[in-house]
Protein backbone atom coordinates (compact mmCIF):
# COMPACT_ATOMS: atom_id res chain seq x y z
CA UNK A 1 2.85 93.38 -89.65
CA UNK A 2 2.85 96.41 -87.36
CA UNK A 3 1.18 95.81 -83.95
CA UNK A 4 0.42 98.23 -81.16
CA UNK A 5 -0.91 97.22 -77.79
CA UNK A 6 -4.09 99.18 -76.85
CA UNK A 7 -5.87 98.98 -73.51
CA UNK A 8 -8.93 97.19 -74.97
CA UNK A 9 -6.57 94.72 -76.65
CA UNK A 10 -5.16 93.80 -73.17
CA UNK A 11 -8.70 93.24 -71.96
CA UNK A 12 -9.47 90.98 -74.83
CA UNK A 13 -6.28 88.89 -74.17
CA UNK A 14 -7.27 88.72 -70.46
CA UNK A 15 -10.74 87.50 -71.59
CA UNK A 16 -9.02 84.82 -73.64
CA UNK A 17 -7.07 83.57 -70.50
CA UNK A 18 -10.20 83.75 -68.32
CA UNK A 19 -12.21 81.76 -70.85
CA UNK A 20 -9.50 79.05 -71.01
CA UNK A 21 -9.55 78.87 -67.12
CA UNK A 22 -13.17 78.26 -67.19
CA UNK A 23 -12.81 75.58 -69.78
CA UNK A 24 -10.11 73.86 -67.72
CA UNK A 25 -12.24 74.12 -64.56
CA UNK A 26 -15.20 72.38 -66.35
CA UNK A 27 -12.89 69.78 -67.93
CA UNK A 28 -13.52 67.24 -65.07
CA UNK A 29 -17.37 67.55 -65.98
CA UNK A 30 -16.74 66.99 -69.72
CA UNK A 31 -18.70 63.64 -69.44
CA UNK A 32 -21.92 65.56 -68.80
CA UNK A 33 -23.79 67.35 -71.62
CA UNK A 34 -23.81 70.64 -69.61
CA UNK A 35 -20.15 70.47 -68.86
CA UNK A 36 -19.09 69.62 -72.38
CA UNK A 37 -21.19 72.37 -73.90
CA UNK A 38 -19.74 74.90 -71.37
CA UNK A 39 -16.20 73.89 -72.45
CA UNK A 40 -17.05 74.37 -76.08
CA UNK A 41 -18.70 77.79 -75.22
CA UNK A 42 -15.61 78.95 -73.45
CA UNK A 43 -13.31 77.78 -76.22
CA UNK A 44 -15.49 79.77 -78.80
CA UNK A 45 -15.21 82.94 -76.56
CA UNK A 46 -11.38 82.33 -76.18
CA UNK A 47 -11.02 82.25 -79.97
CA UNK A 48 -13.17 85.26 -80.52
CA UNK A 49 -11.52 87.41 -77.88
CA UNK A 50 -7.96 86.30 -78.86
CA UNK A 51 -8.38 87.15 -82.62
CA UNK A 52 -10.22 90.34 -81.63
CA UNK A 53 -7.23 91.34 -79.52
CA UNK A 54 -4.78 90.81 -82.43
CA UNK A 55 -7.17 92.74 -84.74
CA UNK A 56 -7.45 95.58 -82.23
CA UNK A 57 -3.66 96.20 -82.34
CA UNK A 58 -3.14 95.71 -86.09
CA UNK A 59 -2.83 98.97 -88.07
CA UNK A 60 -2.86 97.78 -91.74
CA UNK A 61 -6.43 97.55 -93.02
CA UNK A 62 -5.77 94.49 -95.06
CA UNK A 63 -4.49 92.65 -92.01
CA UNK A 64 -7.37 93.88 -89.83
CA UNK A 65 -9.85 92.36 -92.29
CA UNK A 66 -7.98 89.02 -92.17
CA UNK A 67 -8.04 88.95 -88.31
CA UNK A 68 -11.71 90.02 -88.43
CA UNK A 69 -12.48 86.96 -90.47
CA UNK A 70 -10.48 84.86 -88.01
CA UNK A 71 -12.77 86.19 -85.13
CA UNK A 72 -15.68 84.48 -86.81
CA UNK A 73 -14.09 81.07 -85.86
CA UNK A 74 -15.31 81.70 -82.40
CA UNK A 75 -17.94 84.35 -82.94
CA UNK A 76 -20.41 82.24 -84.90
CA UNK A 77 -20.43 79.53 -82.29
CA UNK A 78 -20.70 81.63 -79.04
CA UNK A 79 -24.34 82.44 -79.12
CA UNK A 80 -25.62 78.96 -80.25
CA UNK A 81 -23.46 77.30 -77.64
CA UNK A 82 -24.53 79.72 -74.94
CA UNK A 83 -28.18 78.81 -75.89
CA UNK A 84 -27.55 75.05 -75.73
CA UNK A 85 -25.76 75.42 -72.39
CA UNK A 86 -28.81 77.15 -70.84
CA UNK A 87 -31.29 74.51 -72.17
CA UNK A 88 -28.96 71.71 -70.97
CA UNK A 89 -28.57 73.30 -67.46
CA UNK A 90 -32.34 73.83 -67.07
CA UNK A 91 -33.14 70.24 -68.17
CA UNK A 92 -35.09 71.39 -71.26
CA UNK A 93 -32.90 69.40 -73.61
CA UNK A 94 -35.82 67.53 -74.98
CA UNK A 95 -36.64 70.63 -76.91
CA UNK A 96 -33.23 70.47 -78.68
CA UNK A 97 -34.13 68.00 -81.36
CA UNK A 98 -31.86 66.90 -84.10
CA UNK A 99 -33.38 69.29 -86.67
CA UNK A 100 -32.70 72.18 -84.25
CA UNK A 101 -29.15 71.25 -83.87
CA UNK A 102 -28.60 70.88 -87.55
CA UNK A 103 -30.32 74.19 -88.17
CA UNK A 104 -28.15 76.11 -85.63
CA UNK A 105 -25.05 74.41 -86.96
CA UNK A 106 -26.00 75.29 -90.61
CA UNK A 107 -26.62 78.96 -89.82
CA UNK A 108 -23.27 79.17 -88.01
CA UNK A 109 -21.32 77.50 -90.84
CA UNK A 110 -23.02 79.62 -93.49
CA UNK A 111 -22.12 82.79 -91.52
CA UNK A 112 -18.53 81.68 -91.17
CA UNK A 113 -18.22 80.95 -94.95
CA UNK A 114 -19.83 84.23 -95.94
CA UNK A 115 -17.33 86.06 -93.53
CA UNK A 116 -14.41 84.48 -95.34
CA UNK A 117 -15.87 85.22 -98.78
CA UNK A 118 -17.33 88.67 -98.00
CA UNK A 119 -15.39 90.51 -100.72
CA UNK A 120 -17.44 88.68 -103.37
CA UNK A 121 -20.94 89.57 -101.94
CA UNK A 122 -20.63 92.10 -99.02
CA UNK A 123 -23.37 90.20 -97.05
CA UNK A 124 -21.31 90.52 -93.82
CA UNK A 125 -20.01 94.01 -94.17
CA UNK A 126 -20.40 96.32 -97.14
CA UNK A 127 -17.90 98.85 -96.21
CA UNK A 128 -15.80 100.12 -93.44
CA UNK A 129 -13.98 103.43 -92.42
CA UNK A 130 -11.65 104.62 -89.61
CA UNK A 131 -13.16 105.12 -86.22
CA UNK A 132 -11.54 106.43 -83.02
CA UNK A 133 -7.85 107.00 -84.01
CA UNK A 134 -6.83 106.82 -80.34
CA UNK A 135 -8.05 103.27 -80.03
CA UNK A 136 -7.27 102.27 -83.60
CA UNK A 137 -10.94 101.23 -84.26
CA UNK A 138 -12.48 100.45 -87.58
CA UNK A 139 -16.14 101.06 -88.24
CA UNK A 140 -17.87 98.27 -90.25
CA UNK A 141 -20.94 98.90 -92.40
CA UNK A 142 -22.77 95.57 -91.89
CA UNK A 143 -24.57 93.70 -94.61
CA UNK A 144 -27.83 91.88 -94.82
CA UNK A 145 -26.79 88.51 -93.65
CA UNK A 146 -24.96 90.03 -90.56
CA UNK A 147 -28.08 91.82 -89.56
CA UNK A 148 -30.13 88.52 -90.08
CA UNK A 149 -27.60 86.63 -88.01
CA UNK A 150 -27.75 89.28 -85.29
CA UNK A 151 -31.46 88.89 -85.16
CA UNK A 152 -31.04 85.12 -84.89
CA UNK A 153 -28.53 85.69 -82.04
CA UNK A 154 -30.95 88.07 -80.41
CA UNK A 155 -33.82 85.37 -80.61
CA UNK A 156 -31.55 82.81 -79.01
CA UNK A 157 -30.65 85.13 -76.18
CA UNK A 158 -34.28 85.88 -75.58
CA UNK A 159 -35.00 82.16 -75.34
CA UNK A 160 -32.17 81.54 -73.02
CA UNK A 161 -33.06 84.43 -70.65
CA UNK A 162 -36.71 83.59 -70.73
CA UNK A 163 -35.91 79.97 -69.71
CA UNK A 164 -33.58 81.20 -66.91
CA UNK A 165 -36.12 83.65 -65.56
CA UNK A 166 -38.83 81.00 -65.60
CA UNK A 167 -36.66 78.43 -63.68
CA UNK A 168 -35.51 81.20 -61.33
CA UNK A 169 -39.09 81.68 -59.99
CA UNK A 170 -39.38 77.95 -59.20
CA UNK A 171 -35.96 77.29 -57.84
CA UNK A 172 -34.54 77.33 -54.28
CA UNK A 173 -30.99 77.81 -53.02
CA UNK A 174 -28.37 76.99 -54.18
CA UNK A 175 -29.89 76.60 -57.68
CA UNK A 176 -31.35 80.08 -57.48
CA UNK A 177 -27.80 81.59 -56.92
CA UNK A 178 -26.41 79.58 -59.91
CA UNK A 179 -29.21 80.69 -62.25
CA UNK A 180 -28.58 84.34 -61.16
CA UNK A 181 -24.95 84.06 -62.04
CA UNK A 182 -25.74 82.41 -65.39
CA UNK A 183 -28.28 85.23 -66.18
CA UNK A 184 -25.58 87.83 -65.43
CA UNK A 185 -23.05 85.98 -67.54
CA UNK A 186 -25.48 85.92 -70.56
CA UNK A 187 -27.03 89.36 -70.17
CA UNK A 188 -23.76 91.50 -70.01
CA UNK A 189 -22.37 90.49 -73.48
CA UNK A 190 -25.84 90.23 -75.03
CA UNK A 191 -26.60 93.99 -74.07
CA UNK A 192 -23.24 95.08 -75.30
CA UNK A 193 -23.82 93.28 -78.58
CA UNK A 194 -27.18 95.02 -79.16
CA UNK A 195 -25.48 98.49 -78.39
CA UNK A 196 -22.76 97.58 -80.99
CA UNK A 197 -25.28 96.39 -83.65
CA UNK A 198 -27.32 99.48 -83.46
CA UNK A 199 -24.33 101.90 -83.39
CA UNK A 200 -25.14 103.15 -79.90
CA UNK A 201 -21.46 102.52 -78.70
CA UNK A 202 -19.85 105.68 -77.20
CA UNK A 203 -16.66 104.77 -79.09
CA UNK A 204 -17.28 104.41 -82.88
CA UNK A 205 -16.10 101.07 -84.21
CA UNK A 206 -15.43 99.47 -80.83
CA UNK A 207 -17.22 96.14 -80.29
CA UNK A 208 -17.96 95.84 -76.74
CA UNK A 209 -19.39 92.26 -77.04
CA UNK A 210 -16.06 90.35 -76.84
CA UNK A 211 -14.76 92.78 -74.18
CA UNK A 212 -17.81 91.99 -72.04
CA UNK A 213 -17.27 88.31 -72.34
CA UNK A 214 -14.45 88.88 -69.85
CA UNK A 215 -17.28 89.24 -67.20
CA UNK A 216 -18.87 86.09 -68.51
CA UNK A 217 -15.70 84.03 -67.83
CA UNK A 218 -15.13 85.72 -64.42
CA UNK A 219 -18.72 85.02 -63.42
CA UNK A 220 -18.58 81.39 -64.53
CA UNK A 221 -15.44 80.92 -62.57
CA UNK A 222 -16.88 82.41 -59.42
CA UNK A 223 -20.07 80.28 -59.82
CA UNK A 224 -18.02 77.09 -60.21
CA UNK A 225 -15.99 77.72 -57.15
CA UNK A 226 -18.74 79.32 -54.95
CA UNK A 227 -22.02 77.64 -56.04
CA UNK A 228 -20.52 74.39 -57.37
CA UNK A 229 -21.93 75.04 -60.86
CA UNK A 230 -22.01 71.77 -62.80
CA UNK A 231 -21.90 69.73 -59.51
CA UNK A 232 -25.40 70.65 -58.29
CA UNK A 233 -27.46 70.80 -61.55
CA UNK A 234 -31.15 71.30 -60.91
CA UNK A 235 -33.44 68.47 -62.05
CA UNK A 236 -36.49 69.43 -64.02
CA UNK A 237 -39.97 68.35 -62.88
CA UNK A 238 -40.72 66.73 -66.16
CA UNK A 239 -37.55 64.64 -65.98
CA UNK A 240 -38.53 63.37 -62.48
CA UNK A 241 -42.13 62.89 -63.06
CA UNK A 242 -42.01 61.38 -66.52
CA UNK A 243 -39.25 58.86 -65.67
CA UNK A 244 -40.21 57.97 -62.19
CA UNK A 245 -41.19 54.23 -61.73
CA UNK A 246 -44.15 55.06 -59.58
CA UNK A 247 -47.37 56.16 -60.96
CA UNK A 248 -48.56 59.71 -60.26
CA UNK A 249 -51.96 61.19 -60.74
CA UNK A 250 -52.90 64.74 -59.82
CA UNK A 251 -56.65 65.52 -59.03
CA UNK A 252 -58.33 68.94 -58.78
CA UNK A 253 -61.03 69.64 -56.20
CA UNK A 254 -63.63 68.00 -58.27
CA UNK A 255 -61.49 64.81 -58.53
CA UNK A 256 -60.69 65.27 -62.18
CA UNK A 257 -57.40 64.28 -63.53
CA UNK A 258 -55.15 67.32 -64.28
CA UNK A 259 -51.80 65.42 -64.53
CA UNK A 260 -50.78 61.75 -65.05
CA UNK A 261 -47.40 60.28 -65.84
CA UNK A 262 -46.51 57.28 -68.15
CA UNK A 263 -46.01 54.87 -65.25
CA UNK A 264 -49.62 55.58 -63.98
CA UNK A 265 -50.87 55.06 -67.47
CA UNK A 266 -49.16 51.63 -67.71
CA UNK A 267 -50.61 50.52 -64.38
CA UNK A 268 -54.22 51.33 -65.25
CA UNK A 269 -56.19 49.33 -67.72
CA UNK A 270 -56.81 51.69 -70.76
CA UNK A 271 -54.41 54.19 -69.29
CA UNK A 272 -53.22 55.42 -72.70
CA UNK A 273 -56.69 56.70 -73.39
CA UNK A 274 -56.85 58.85 -70.22
CA UNK A 275 -57.02 62.52 -70.90
CA UNK A 276 -56.69 65.60 -68.56
CA UNK A 277 -60.04 66.51 -67.22
CA UNK A 278 -61.38 62.86 -67.07
CA UNK A 279 -63.08 62.19 -63.70
CA UNK A 280 -61.35 59.72 -61.36
CA UNK A 281 -64.76 57.95 -60.89
CA UNK A 282 -64.58 56.73 -64.56
CA UNK A 283 -60.82 55.77 -64.62
CA UNK A 284 -60.54 54.23 -61.15
CA UNK A 285 -63.98 54.20 -59.50
CA UNK A 286 -62.97 51.94 -56.69
CA UNK A 287 -60.43 54.61 -55.52
CA UNK A 288 -62.69 57.53 -55.71
CA UNK A 289 -63.57 58.75 -52.20
CA UNK A 290 -66.65 60.73 -51.42
CA UNK A 291 -66.37 64.45 -50.65
CA UNK A 292 -66.96 63.78 -46.90
CA UNK A 293 -64.14 61.36 -46.75
CA UNK A 294 -61.90 63.86 -48.45
CA UNK A 295 -62.75 66.50 -45.84
CA UNK A 296 -61.73 63.99 -43.01
CA UNK A 297 -58.47 63.00 -44.69
CA UNK A 298 -55.45 65.12 -43.94
CA UNK A 299 -52.40 63.08 -44.66
CA UNK A 300 -51.05 60.34 -46.70
CA UNK A 301 -52.69 56.98 -46.33
CA UNK A 302 -53.33 53.78 -48.08
CA UNK A 303 -56.69 53.79 -49.73
CA UNK A 304 -56.57 50.25 -51.03
CA UNK A 305 -54.59 47.58 -52.55
CA UNK A 306 -56.16 47.02 -55.94
CA UNK A 307 -55.88 43.90 -58.12
CA UNK A 308 -56.33 45.05 -61.86
CA UNK A 309 -57.62 42.70 -64.48
CA UNK A 310 -54.40 43.26 -66.44
CA UNK A 311 -52.06 40.37 -65.70
CA UNK A 312 -53.38 40.18 -62.13
CA UNK A 313 -51.27 43.09 -61.05
CA UNK A 314 -51.44 44.55 -57.64
CA UNK A 315 -51.21 48.27 -57.19
CA UNK A 316 -50.68 50.00 -53.94
CA UNK A 317 -52.46 53.42 -54.03
CA UNK A 318 -51.70 56.24 -51.70
CA UNK A 319 -53.48 59.67 -51.59
CA UNK A 320 -52.06 62.81 -50.20
CA UNK A 321 -54.38 65.91 -49.90
CA UNK A 322 -52.64 69.26 -50.80
CA UNK A 323 -54.32 72.29 -49.22
CA UNK A 324 -54.54 75.25 -51.53
CA UNK A 325 -53.48 78.78 -50.81
CA UNK A 326 -55.44 81.97 -51.57
CA UNK A 327 -54.34 81.80 -55.14
CA UNK A 328 -54.74 78.02 -55.55
CA UNK A 329 -57.39 75.41 -55.00
CA UNK A 330 -57.14 72.15 -53.05
CA UNK A 331 -55.95 69.16 -55.03
CA UNK A 332 -54.98 65.48 -54.43
CA UNK A 333 -51.94 63.52 -55.30
CA UNK A 334 -52.30 59.76 -55.99
CA UNK A 335 -49.06 57.73 -55.92
CA UNK A 336 -49.42 54.32 -57.49
CA UNK A 337 -46.84 51.64 -56.84
CA UNK A 338 -46.78 48.18 -58.63
CA UNK A 339 -46.42 45.69 -55.81
CA UNK A 340 -47.09 42.65 -57.95
CA UNK A 341 -43.70 41.09 -57.35
CA UNK A 342 -43.81 41.72 -53.59
CA UNK A 343 -47.53 40.44 -53.44
CA UNK A 344 -46.50 37.36 -55.38
CA UNK A 345 -43.56 36.75 -53.02
CA UNK A 346 -45.85 37.24 -50.04
CA UNK A 347 -48.38 34.98 -51.37
CA UNK A 348 -45.71 32.37 -52.08
CA UNK A 349 -44.35 32.73 -48.53
CA UNK A 350 -47.79 32.49 -47.06
CA UNK A 351 -48.51 29.34 -49.15
CA UNK A 352 -45.10 28.01 -48.09
CA UNK A 353 -45.92 28.85 -44.47
CA UNK A 354 -49.37 27.09 -44.77
CA UNK A 355 -47.70 24.06 -46.36
CA UNK A 356 -45.05 24.08 -43.57
CA UNK A 357 -47.75 24.26 -40.85
CA UNK A 358 -49.69 21.48 -42.44
CA UNK A 359 -46.52 19.30 -42.47
CA UNK A 360 -45.63 20.29 -39.01
CA UNK A 361 -49.20 19.24 -37.95
CA UNK A 362 -48.81 16.11 -39.80
CA UNK A 363 -45.53 15.39 -38.16
CA UNK A 364 -46.99 16.38 -34.81
CA UNK A 365 -49.85 13.87 -35.43
CA UNK A 366 -47.30 11.16 -36.42
CA UNK A 367 -45.22 11.92 -33.46
CA UNK A 368 -48.25 11.61 -31.23
CA UNK A 369 -49.18 8.44 -32.99
CA UNK A 370 -45.74 7.00 -32.73
CA UNK A 371 -45.61 8.07 -29.09
CA UNK A 372 -49.01 6.34 -28.55
CA UNK A 373 -47.77 3.27 -30.35
CA UNK A 374 -44.76 3.17 -28.17
CA UNK A 375 -46.93 2.90 -25.07
CA UNK A 376 -49.83 0.78 -26.33
CA UNK A 377 -50.14 -2.82 -26.85
CA UNK A 378 -50.95 -3.32 -30.70
CA UNK A 379 -53.60 -6.04 -30.16
CA UNK A 380 -55.57 -4.86 -27.09
CA UNK A 381 -54.66 -1.12 -27.28
CA UNK A 382 -54.03 -1.17 -23.57
CA UNK A 383 -50.97 0.30 -22.15
CA UNK A 384 -47.90 -1.94 -22.50
CA UNK A 385 -45.25 -2.91 -20.06
CA UNK A 386 -43.01 -0.08 -20.89
CA UNK A 387 -45.64 2.48 -20.04
CA UNK A 388 -46.50 0.54 -16.95
CA UNK A 389 -43.02 0.90 -15.56
CA UNK A 390 -43.05 4.65 -16.00
CA UNK A 391 -46.64 4.90 -14.57
CA UNK A 392 -45.72 2.85 -11.47
CA UNK A 393 -42.66 5.10 -10.73
CA UNK A 394 -44.92 8.11 -11.04
CA UNK A 395 -47.81 6.76 -8.93
CA UNK A 396 -45.52 5.36 -6.23
CA UNK A 397 -43.72 8.78 -6.05
CA UNK A 398 -47.04 10.68 -5.66
CA UNK A 399 -48.23 8.06 -3.07
CA UNK A 400 -45.04 8.44 -1.01
CA UNK A 401 -45.35 12.18 -1.11
CA UNK A 402 -49.12 12.45 -0.35
CA UNK A 403 -49.32 9.29 1.86
CA UNK A 404 -52.05 7.18 0.07
CA UNK A 405 -52.12 3.55 -0.88
CA UNK A 406 -51.66 2.21 -4.48
CA UNK A 407 -53.30 -1.15 -5.25
CA UNK A 408 -51.69 -3.47 -7.85
CA UNK A 409 -53.85 -6.24 -9.47
CA UNK A 410 -52.19 -8.90 -11.34
CA UNK A 411 -54.93 -10.91 -13.39
CA UNK A 412 -54.60 -13.97 -15.69
CA UNK A 413 -57.04 -15.93 -18.00
CA UNK A 414 -57.54 -19.47 -16.73
CA UNK A 415 -56.56 -22.20 -19.12
CA UNK A 416 -55.94 -19.71 -21.93
CA UNK A 417 -53.80 -22.25 -23.85
CA UNK A 418 -56.76 -24.59 -24.00
CA UNK A 419 -58.86 -21.82 -25.63
CA UNK A 420 -56.10 -21.29 -28.25
CA UNK A 421 -55.81 -24.92 -28.86
CA UNK A 422 -59.54 -25.45 -29.18
CA UNK A 423 -60.69 -22.37 -31.06
CA UNK A 424 -57.45 -21.16 -32.58
CA UNK A 425 -55.30 -18.26 -31.99
CA UNK A 426 -57.51 -15.70 -33.82
CA UNK A 427 -60.28 -16.60 -31.27
CA UNK A 428 -57.66 -16.22 -28.46
CA UNK A 429 -56.82 -12.71 -29.78
CA UNK A 430 -60.57 -11.83 -29.81
CA UNK A 431 -60.94 -12.84 -26.23
CA UNK A 432 -57.93 -10.82 -25.23
CA UNK A 433 -59.48 -7.72 -27.10
CA UNK A 434 -62.94 -8.20 -25.49
CA UNK A 435 -61.48 -8.71 -21.96
CA UNK A 436 -59.35 -5.59 -22.41
CA UNK A 437 -62.52 -3.61 -23.15
CA UNK A 438 -64.17 -5.10 -20.05
CA UNK A 439 -61.16 -3.93 -17.90
CA UNK A 440 -61.28 -0.43 -19.19
CA UNK A 441 -65.16 -0.14 -18.77
CA UNK A 442 -65.08 -1.64 -15.25
CA UNK A 443 -62.33 0.40 -13.86
CA UNK A 444 -62.01 4.04 -13.25
CA UNK A 445 -60.46 6.55 -15.66
CA UNK A 446 -57.60 7.27 -13.34
CA UNK A 447 -56.77 3.61 -13.06
CA UNK A 448 -54.08 2.14 -15.42
CA UNK A 449 -54.86 -0.95 -17.27
CA UNK A 450 -51.81 -2.60 -18.84
CA UNK A 451 -51.23 -5.88 -20.75
CA UNK A 452 -48.41 -7.43 -18.80
CA UNK A 453 -47.63 -10.12 -21.15
CA UNK A 454 -49.50 -13.01 -22.97
CA UNK A 455 -52.82 -13.36 -21.18
CA UNK A 456 -51.81 -11.47 -18.04
CA UNK A 457 -52.88 -8.04 -17.13
CA UNK A 458 -51.78 -5.51 -14.50
CA UNK A 459 -54.03 -2.82 -13.18
CA UNK A 460 -52.76 0.12 -11.13
CA UNK A 461 -55.42 1.73 -8.79
CA UNK A 462 -54.09 4.87 -7.10
CA UNK A 463 -55.60 5.93 -3.79
CA UNK A 464 -57.27 2.53 -3.52
CA UNK A 465 -57.25 0.08 -0.62
CA UNK A 466 -57.08 -3.62 -1.05
CA UNK A 467 -60.72 -4.17 -0.03
CA UNK A 468 -61.94 -1.70 -2.77
CA UNK A 469 -59.57 -3.22 -5.36
CA UNK A 470 -60.75 -6.74 -4.39
CA UNK A 471 -64.44 -5.63 -4.85
CA UNK A 472 -63.71 -4.15 -8.26
CA UNK A 473 -61.83 -7.00 -9.76
CA UNK A 474 -63.93 -9.69 -8.02
CA UNK A 475 -67.11 -8.17 -9.58
CA UNK A 476 -65.48 -8.46 -13.08
CA UNK A 477 -64.62 -12.19 -12.26
CA UNK A 478 -68.16 -13.04 -11.29
CA UNK A 479 -69.43 -11.39 -14.47
CA UNK A 480 -67.01 -13.42 -16.58
CA UNK A 481 -67.86 -16.80 -14.93
CA UNK A 482 -71.57 -16.34 -15.99
CA UNK A 483 -71.14 -14.67 -19.28
CA UNK A 484 -70.56 -16.23 -22.69
CA UNK A 485 -68.25 -14.27 -24.95
CA UNK A 486 -69.24 -14.22 -28.69
CA UNK A 487 -66.16 -15.08 -30.46
CA UNK A 488 -66.80 -15.31 -34.22
CA UNK A 489 -69.39 -18.17 -34.55
CA UNK A 490 -68.66 -19.70 -31.13
CA UNK A 491 -69.59 -18.80 -27.67
CA UNK A 492 -66.85 -19.23 -25.23
CA UNK A 493 -66.74 -18.82 -21.44
CA UNK A 494 -63.57 -17.98 -19.53
CA UNK A 495 -62.60 -17.51 -15.86
CA UNK A 496 -60.17 -15.13 -14.37
CA UNK A 497 -57.61 -15.50 -11.61
CA UNK A 498 -56.12 -12.44 -9.84
CA UNK A 499 -53.86 -11.33 -7.08
CA UNK A 500 -53.75 -8.00 -5.33
CA UNK A 501 -50.85 -6.27 -3.33
CA UNK A 502 -50.97 -2.84 -1.87
CA UNK A 503 -48.14 -0.26 -1.58
CA UNK A 504 -46.72 0.53 0.89
CA UNK A 505 -48.20 -2.17 3.12
CA UNK A 506 -46.83 -5.13 1.16
CA UNK A 507 -43.61 -3.65 -0.23
CA UNK A 508 -41.43 -0.47 -0.12
CA UNK A 509 -40.71 -0.48 -3.88
CA UNK A 510 -42.26 -1.37 -7.22
CA UNK A 511 -40.60 -4.68 -7.63
CA UNK A 512 -41.75 -5.96 -4.26
CA UNK A 513 -45.29 -4.94 -4.65
CA UNK A 514 -45.66 -6.29 -8.18
CA UNK A 515 -44.02 -9.52 -7.07
CA UNK A 516 -46.43 -9.87 -4.20
CA UNK A 517 -49.43 -9.33 -6.60
CA UNK A 518 -47.95 -11.85 -9.00
CA UNK A 519 -47.44 -14.45 -6.07
CA UNK A 520 -51.11 -13.79 -4.86
CA UNK A 521 -52.27 -14.53 -8.46
CA UNK A 522 -50.39 -17.84 -8.71
CA UNK A 523 -51.81 -18.70 -5.27
CA UNK A 524 -55.28 -18.08 -6.73
CA UNK A 525 -54.46 -20.40 -9.61
CA UNK A 526 -52.98 -23.10 -7.37
CA UNK A 527 -56.10 -22.95 -5.10
CA UNK A 528 -58.41 -23.81 -7.99
CA UNK A 529 -58.53 -20.86 -10.28
CA UNK A 530 -61.46 -18.45 -10.91
CA UNK A 531 -60.72 -16.55 -7.66
CA UNK A 532 -59.12 -13.33 -6.31
CA UNK A 533 -56.74 -13.19 -3.44
CA UNK A 534 -55.88 -9.89 -1.72
CA UNK A 535 -54.04 -10.16 1.61
CA UNK A 536 -56.56 -11.85 3.93
CA UNK A 537 -59.34 -11.75 1.34
CA UNK A 538 -60.06 -14.58 -1.05
CA UNK A 539 -62.85 -15.32 -3.31
């Protein structure tokens, strides 16, 4: 085979190298659909340009026909892969269904088979004749299927360019720059292919389309390096809105639903039946604000937390008012978030907190009860000896600081053993209880009445002189000696002996004063009982 290197053959080989460079640059993104399709697209261009370069330098017609057939290994896949790349990049892949892919692949495979069997039917090219002798070109007279395939290519290019232009109007940097480079990479070879198909090429027989794919590779290389093509891929609105977990409802100025995503339908009872144009007042009447309210609202806010009748779900609804421009009207955006799990957790925590508070209160009550039990006599409910000791320390400290007297009364029931022996211990207990109640009712609130032990009682009277204490306890003694206590079925009379000592006159500490009061009480008993002795007073 005789081969001569022509300028356009060199360009075709450079295109092959450039395409392989782009494929290698995109190799790290092969796991993404867009990156994988770009790699296949560049490989198809590399095959097409490589075999075109060999065909351009071959002089024998038979050999040129062979290499022309080899070109179709890349040529039949270039346009479909370009089309798929654009749709993947712009996130319109949902339009590329399985039947579409099968149809595109079938047309490409049929074209490839027809190219390799062209001598039997002439559907790809019917004839050929020499073109420009200086560039060794060969003019092909194309057949019916080639023209049909060219029309299909033209349609794919138109779809791709239309999608790119549509997204270009909506995008912002850096996606806009990326889209512009892809547009340029697609348009340049597409225009060259149209010129070649219609015979408008200035050089007869020279196919400018594979030559122009050099610019396609160069532009893709520049876009990958400069605008991070394949790293920053724009996300389509449909992908975001349709797949977002939060519900979204868009309302027009008349509060009619103009858009709703699947999540919102799932959150609303009967959401599958909602149609664009349905009034919000019929779908979610409780969330439908009045026109006056809408005029007052200017930012995002919580309208309500709504409990649906579907599985007792709780939905957090927020409204954002979107002010229209000269060409658009005002609208509203509702964002619905399912907070059922959060609400359930909050309710569980609140219930747990209430239960904890209840138990804390119970514990507090029990603690108070235990504290009260620890300082109370279980039979008479008077303060016990333990509390008396603490109370005496406190009162004596206050008396020392403020300089006032504290009277201590020691009282005892006369012949109490005889009462127990005669009427029984239960009757004795009832006497102790009734006497305790008489002590409490006949003394002041600030006085401290304690059961000292057995039938003995000790009363602490702060800021009280011996004379006053004497009058108070002697009044109770006189009442008892003339009063019958009703104990069960019997009526019992008791008498009381008591002794009084005063701090600090009769002692400088608790032990001394209590001992003096106790001695005075025993003196009262030894002098005949039923009497009160306080210092120089006796009755």
